[in-house]
Amino acid sequence: MVDLQVRPQVRVDTSPSRSKRGLSVSWRIIKPLIAIALFLGIWELAPRLGLVDEVFLPPFSVVSEAFVELIVNGQLWEHLAASLSRALTGFSIAIVIAIPLGVAIGWYKPVAEFLGPILELFRNTAALALLPVFILILGIGETSKIALVLYASAFPILLNTISGVRTVDPLLVKSARSLGLPALKLFQKVVLPAAVPTIFTGIRMAAASSILVLIAAEMVGAKAGLGYLITASQLNFQIPNMYAGIIAISLVGLTFNGVIVAVERRFSRWRPQN
C-alpha cells in the first residue's frame, strides 16, 4: 500500500547565519568610519590643545566652515568644474588610446618589438618633468594641462593592459581556438574578460595619477582649478580655504575610485564576489 500520510516539512532556520553576515557587513562599514572619526577628532583637538600652531593647522571645524562657505559663494564649484573638465578629458582620451594599443602590443609580437623601445624610454620619464616642455610647446592654456593628464594617465593603463593580455591562461585560448572561435570572438569572449581585472587596476592607478599631475600643473600656471585655489589661498594666507581645497581633492579622488570600482564590477559580473 502507498503511504499517503503527509509528513511535516522540516525548515532549517538560517536566521543566525544571516545575522552573522549582517554583522560582518556592518562591521566592515563601521571600521573605516571609526578610523576617519579618530583622524578628524585628532585634527580638531591638536590645534586647540596647543600641540600644533592653530594658525598653520586650523581645527577641522574651522576648515569645515570655510569649505561650506566656498560652496555657498560658488568658488568651489567654479574651481572644481575647471579641474574635472581637464581631468576627465585627458583621462578619457588616455583610455581610448591606451587600451587598444595595449591589447595590440600584448597580443601581437611584431607590434611589441616595434613600439617596445620607445615605450621603455617614455614610461621612465616622469610626467611632471615634462611640464615645462608641454607649456613651451602647447602654451599655458587648457591644451597643455589636458596633454599632461593624458600622458600621466596613458602609461598605467597601457602597461596593465599589456600585462593583462599576456597573462591570460593559455589553456583558455587553446580551448577557444579548438572550438573554432574567430579572432574577433576570441578577443571578445576570452582575452578581454580575462584581462579586465588587470586593466581596471591600471585605470584606477591612472585616475589617481591624473588628479595629482593636474593639481601640480594648476599650481604652476592656471587661473582656475583646485590646484590654483590651494596656491592662491596659501599666498593670501587664507589657510582654512587651502585645507578646504585639499579636502575637495580627496573627495574627488574617492569619487573617481568609487565610480571605477562600480564599472569594474559591472564588467566582471562573471567573477565570484568576495
Protein backbone atom coordinates (compact mmCIF):
# COMPACT_ATOMS: atom_id res chain seq x y z
CA MET A 1 0.00 0.00 0.00
CA VAL A 2 1.07 3.53 -0.74
CA ASP A 3 1.58 5.68 2.32
CA LEU A 4 -0.43 8.85 1.67
CA GLN A 5 0.33 10.41 5.04
CA VAL A 6 1.58 13.95 4.70
CA ARG A 7 4.76 14.46 6.63
CA PRO A 8 5.54 17.90 8.00
CA GLN A 9 8.33 19.73 6.19
CA VAL A 10 11.41 20.47 8.21
CA ARG A 11 12.63 24.02 7.79
CA VAL A 12 16.19 24.90 8.59
CA ASP A 13 16.44 28.14 10.46
CA THR A 14 19.10 30.24 8.77
CA SER A 15 18.49 33.38 10.78
CA PRO A 16 21.72 33.06 12.83
CA SER A 17 23.86 32.82 9.70
CA ARG A 18 22.02 35.76 8.17
CA SER A 19 22.51 37.82 11.27
CA LYS A 20 26.22 36.93 11.28
CA ARG A 21 26.53 38.06 7.67
CA GLY A 22 24.69 41.26 8.53
CA LEU A 23 27.00 41.94 11.45
CA SER A 24 30.04 41.23 9.27
CA VAL A 25 28.89 43.70 6.60
CA SER A 26 28.03 46.31 9.21
CA TRP A 27 31.43 45.95 10.87
CA ARG A 28 33.19 46.31 7.51
CA ILE A 29 31.38 49.62 7.06
CA ILE A 30 31.85 50.81 10.64
CA LYS A 31 35.61 50.12 10.85
CA PRO A 32 36.67 52.75 8.27
CA LEU A 33 34.19 55.23 9.74
CA ILE A 34 35.80 54.80 13.16
CA ALA A 35 39.25 55.42 11.66
CA ILE A 36 38.02 58.57 9.89
CA ALA A 37 36.32 59.81 13.07
CA LEU A 38 39.53 59.30 15.07
CA PHE A 39 41.55 61.18 12.47
CA LEU A 40 39.11 64.11 12.41
CA GLY A 41 39.00 64.13 16.22
CA ILE A 42 42.79 64.38 16.42
CA TRP A 43 42.71 67.13 13.79
CA GLU A 44 40.15 69.05 15.82
CA LEU A 45 41.86 68.67 19.19
CA ALA A 46 45.54 69.05 18.26
CA PRO A 47 45.35 72.79 17.43
CA ARG A 48 43.01 73.54 20.32
CA LEU A 49 45.32 71.82 22.83
CA GLY A 50 48.34 73.67 21.51
CA LEU A 51 50.04 70.59 20.08
CA VAL A 52 50.37 72.39 16.73
CA ASP A 53 50.11 76.04 15.75
CA GLU A 54 46.43 76.87 15.12
CA VAL A 55 47.46 79.46 12.53
CA PHE A 56 49.04 76.86 10.25
CA LEU A 57 46.70 73.96 11.06
CA PRO A 58 43.22 75.27 11.94
CA PRO A 59 40.78 72.91 13.69
CA PHE A 60 38.65 70.75 11.44
CA SER A 61 35.53 72.70 12.40
CA VAL A 62 37.11 75.93 11.08
CA VAL A 63 38.11 74.21 7.84
CA SER A 64 34.58 72.79 7.51
CA GLU A 65 33.10 76.28 7.82
CA ALA A 66 35.47 77.51 5.10
CA PHE A 67 34.52 74.53 2.93
CA VAL A 68 30.81 75.30 3.28
CA GLU A 69 31.41 78.99 2.61
CA LEU A 70 33.28 78.17 -0.61
CA ILE A 71 30.33 76.02 -1.68
CA VAL A 72 27.77 78.71 -0.87
CA ASN A 73 29.58 81.53 -2.68
CA GLY A 74 30.21 79.31 -5.72
CA GLN A 75 34.01 79.46 -5.72
CA LEU A 76 34.47 75.77 -5.02
CA TRP A 77 32.12 74.77 -7.85
CA GLU A 78 33.99 77.04 -10.27
CA HIS A 79 37.39 75.56 -9.43
CA LEU A 80 36.02 72.02 -9.23
CA ALA A 81 34.40 72.28 -12.66
CA ALA A 82 37.65 73.55 -14.18
CA SER A 83 39.69 70.69 -12.69
CA LEU A 84 37.14 68.00 -13.54
CA SER A 85 36.83 69.10 -17.17
CA ARG A 86 40.60 68.89 -17.63
CA ALA A 87 41.00 65.62 -15.74
CA LEU A 88 38.08 63.82 -17.37
CA THR A 89 39.05 64.95 -20.87
CA GLY A 90 42.66 63.79 -20.59
CA PHE A 91 41.70 60.63 -18.71
CA SER A 92 39.04 59.65 -21.28
CA ILE A 93 41.40 60.16 -24.20
CA ALA A 94 44.03 58.06 -22.40
CA ILE A 95 41.56 55.17 -22.00
CA VAL A 96 40.52 55.33 -25.67
CA ILE A 97 44.15 55.27 -26.85
CA ALA A 98 45.90 53.10 -24.25
CA ILE A 99 43.58 50.07 -24.06
CA PRO A 100 43.52 49.21 -27.81
CA LEU A 101 47.24 49.93 -28.07
CA GLY A 102 47.95 47.75 -25.01
CA VAL A 103 45.90 44.89 -26.49
CA ALA A 104 47.83 45.16 -29.76
CA ILE A 105 51.21 45.21 -28.02
CA GLY A 106 50.31 42.39 -25.65
CA TRP A 107 48.89 40.11 -28.33
CA TYR A 108 50.98 40.79 -31.44
CA LYS A 109 54.71 40.27 -31.04
CA PRO A 110 55.74 42.39 -34.08
CA VAL A 111 53.88 45.40 -32.63
CA ALA A 112 55.59 44.88 -29.27
CA GLU A 113 59.03 44.66 -30.89
CA PHE A 114 58.37 47.83 -32.89
CA LEU A 115 56.95 50.00 -30.08
CA GLY A 116 58.76 48.47 -27.10
CA PRO A 117 61.89 50.67 -27.11
CA ILE A 118 60.01 53.97 -27.37
CA LEU A 119 57.61 52.92 -24.61
CA GLU A 120 60.51 51.99 -22.32
CA LEU A 121 62.02 55.41 -22.97
CA PHE A 122 58.94 57.46 -22.14
CA ARG A 123 57.47 55.37 -19.33
CA ASN A 124 60.55 56.11 -17.19
CA THR A 125 60.14 59.86 -17.71
CA ALA A 126 58.00 61.47 -15.01
CA ALA A 127 55.06 63.49 -16.26
CA LEU A 128 55.88 66.50 -14.07
CA ALA A 129 59.40 66.59 -15.51
CA LEU A 130 57.82 67.24 -18.90
CA LEU A 131 55.53 70.01 -17.64
CA PRO A 132 57.85 72.81 -18.90
CA VAL A 133 58.01 71.09 -22.28
CA PHE A 134 54.22 70.89 -22.55
CA ILE A 135 53.90 74.55 -21.58
CA LEU A 136 56.55 75.66 -24.09
CA ILE A 137 55.03 73.68 -26.95
CA LEU A 138 51.30 73.91 -26.19
CA GLY A 139 51.15 77.12 -24.18
CA ILE A 140 49.86 77.83 -20.70
CA GLY A 141 46.19 77.26 -21.58
CA GLU A 142 43.94 74.20 -21.35
CA THR A 143 45.68 72.16 -24.03
CA SER A 144 48.93 71.74 -22.12
CA LYS A 145 47.12 70.63 -18.94
CA ILE A 146 44.94 68.11 -20.78
CA ALA A 147 48.00 66.78 -22.63
CA LEU A 148 49.86 66.37 -19.34
CA VAL A 149 46.93 64.44 -17.82
CA LEU A 150 46.79 62.29 -20.96
CA TYR A 151 50.49 61.49 -20.71
CA ALA A 152 50.32 60.67 -16.99
CA SER A 153 47.20 58.51 -17.37
CA ALA A 154 48.17 56.59 -20.50
CA PHE A 155 51.11 54.60 -19.19
CA PRO A 156 49.46 52.90 -16.17
CA ILE A 157 46.55 51.84 -18.39
CA LEU A 158 48.82 50.78 -21.25
CA LEU A 159 51.23 48.73 -19.14
CA ASN A 160 48.48 46.99 -17.17
CA THR A 161 46.58 46.20 -20.37
CA ILE A 162 49.72 44.63 -21.86
CA SER A 163 50.24 42.61 -18.68
CA GLY A 164 46.59 41.54 -18.56
CA VAL A 165 46.58 40.31 -22.15
CA ARG A 166 49.89 38.48 -21.82
CA THR A 167 48.89 36.68 -18.63
CA VAL A 168 45.64 35.21 -19.96
CA ASP A 169 45.57 31.47 -19.26
CA PRO A 170 46.91 29.75 -22.42
CA LEU A 171 44.53 26.82 -21.84
CA LEU A 172 41.57 29.17 -22.23
CA VAL A 173 42.94 30.45 -25.53
CA LYS A 174 43.66 26.94 -26.82
CA SER A 175 40.20 25.74 -25.81
CA ALA A 176 38.55 28.69 -27.58
CA ARG A 177 40.58 28.09 -30.73
CA SER A 178 39.77 24.39 -30.68
CA LEU A 179 36.08 25.35 -30.68
CA GLY A 180 36.68 27.32 -33.87
CA LEU A 181 36.24 30.84 -32.44
CA PRO A 182 37.42 33.51 -34.89
CA ALA A 183 39.99 36.09 -33.75
CA LEU A 184 37.40 38.79 -33.00
CA LYS A 185 35.27 36.44 -30.89
CA LEU A 186 38.40 35.17 -29.17
CA PHE A 187 39.21 38.70 -28.03
CA GLN A 188 35.61 39.45 -27.09
CA LYS A 189 34.80 36.23 -25.23
CA VAL A 190 38.13 35.12 -23.76
CA VAL A 191 41.03 37.57 -23.81
CA LEU A 192 39.33 40.81 -22.78
CA PRO A 193 37.17 39.32 -19.96
CA ALA A 194 40.23 37.59 -18.50
CA ALA A 195 42.26 40.80 -18.71
CA VAL A 196 39.55 43.08 -17.25
CA PRO A 197 40.77 42.98 -13.59
CA THR A 198 44.33 43.94 -14.58
CA ILE A 199 43.12 46.63 -16.97
CA PHE A 200 40.97 48.22 -14.28
CA THR A 201 43.88 48.18 -11.87
CA GLY A 202 45.70 50.36 -14.38
CA ILE A 203 42.66 52.59 -14.81
CA ARG A 204 42.46 53.17 -11.05
CA MET A 205 46.17 53.99 -10.92
CA ALA A 206 45.73 56.34 -13.88
CA ALA A 207 42.81 58.12 -12.20
CA ALA A 208 44.94 58.89 -9.15
CA SER A 209 47.87 60.00 -11.33
CA SER A 210 45.67 62.25 -13.44
CA ILE A 211 44.41 64.17 -10.40
CA LEU A 212 47.84 64.56 -8.81
CA VAL A 213 49.52 65.71 -12.01
CA LEU A 214 46.70 68.10 -12.84
CA ILE A 215 46.80 69.73 -9.40
CA ALA A 216 50.55 70.26 -9.75
CA ALA A 217 50.06 71.78 -13.21
CA GLU A 218 47.34 74.11 -11.92
CA MET A 219 49.64 75.30 -9.16
CA VAL A 220 52.20 76.41 -11.74
CA GLY A 221 50.03 78.17 -14.27
CA ALA A 222 46.24 78.47 -14.10
CA LYS A 223 43.53 80.94 -13.23
CA ALA A 224 41.03 78.35 -12.05
CA GLY A 225 41.10 74.85 -10.64
CA LEU A 226 41.63 73.19 -7.27
CA GLY A 227 45.40 73.49 -7.58
CA TYR A 228 45.04 77.21 -8.21
CA LEU A 229 42.66 77.50 -5.24
CA ILE A 230 45.23 75.90 -2.91
CA THR A 231 48.12 78.03 -4.14
CA ALA A 232 46.13 81.29 -4.12
CA SER A 233 44.81 80.58 -0.62
CA GLN A 234 48.33 79.92 0.62
CA LEU A 235 49.71 83.12 -0.92
CA ASN A 236 46.83 85.16 0.54
CA PHE A 237 47.24 83.39 3.90
CA GLN A 238 43.70 82.02 3.75
CA ILE A 239 44.78 78.80 5.42
CA PRO A 240 41.27 77.32 6.04
CA ASN A 241 40.47 77.75 2.34
CA MET A 242 43.72 75.98 1.48
CA TYR A 243 42.76 72.96 3.58
CA ALA A 244 39.23 73.07 2.14
CA GLY A 245 40.76 72.74 -1.33
CA ILE A 246 42.82 69.76 -0.18
CA ILE A 247 39.67 68.10 1.23
CA ALA A 248 37.92 68.72 -2.09
CA ILE A 249 40.75 66.94 -3.93
CA SER A 250 40.43 63.97 -1.55
CA LEU A 251 36.68 63.77 -2.16
CA VAL A 252 37.20 63.92 -5.92
CA GLY A 253 39.71 61.07 -5.69
CA LEU A 254 37.34 58.94 -3.61
CA THR A 255 34.51 59.60 -6.08
CA PHE A 256 36.71 58.67 -9.04
CA ASN A 257 37.75 55.44 -7.37
CA GLY A 258 34.17 54.54 -6.38
CA VAL A 259 32.89 55.05 -9.93
CA ILE A 260 35.71 52.98 -11.42
CA VAL A 261 35.13 50.14 -8.92
CA ALA A 262 31.41 50.14 -9.78
CA VAL A 263 32.16 49.97 -13.51
CA GLU A 264 34.69 47.18 -12.92
CA ARG A 265 32.07 45.14 -11.08
CA ARG A 266 29.68 45.71 -13.98
CA PHE A 267 32.21 44.28 -16.44
CA SER A 268 33.31 41.49 -14.06
CA ARG A 269 29.95 40.02 -13.11
CA TRP A 270 31.21 36.57 -14.06
CA ARG A 271 33.78 36.68 -11.26
CA PRO A 272 32.85 35.49 -7.74
CA GLN A 273 32.40 38.47 -5.40
CA ASN A 274 34.13 38.41 -2.03
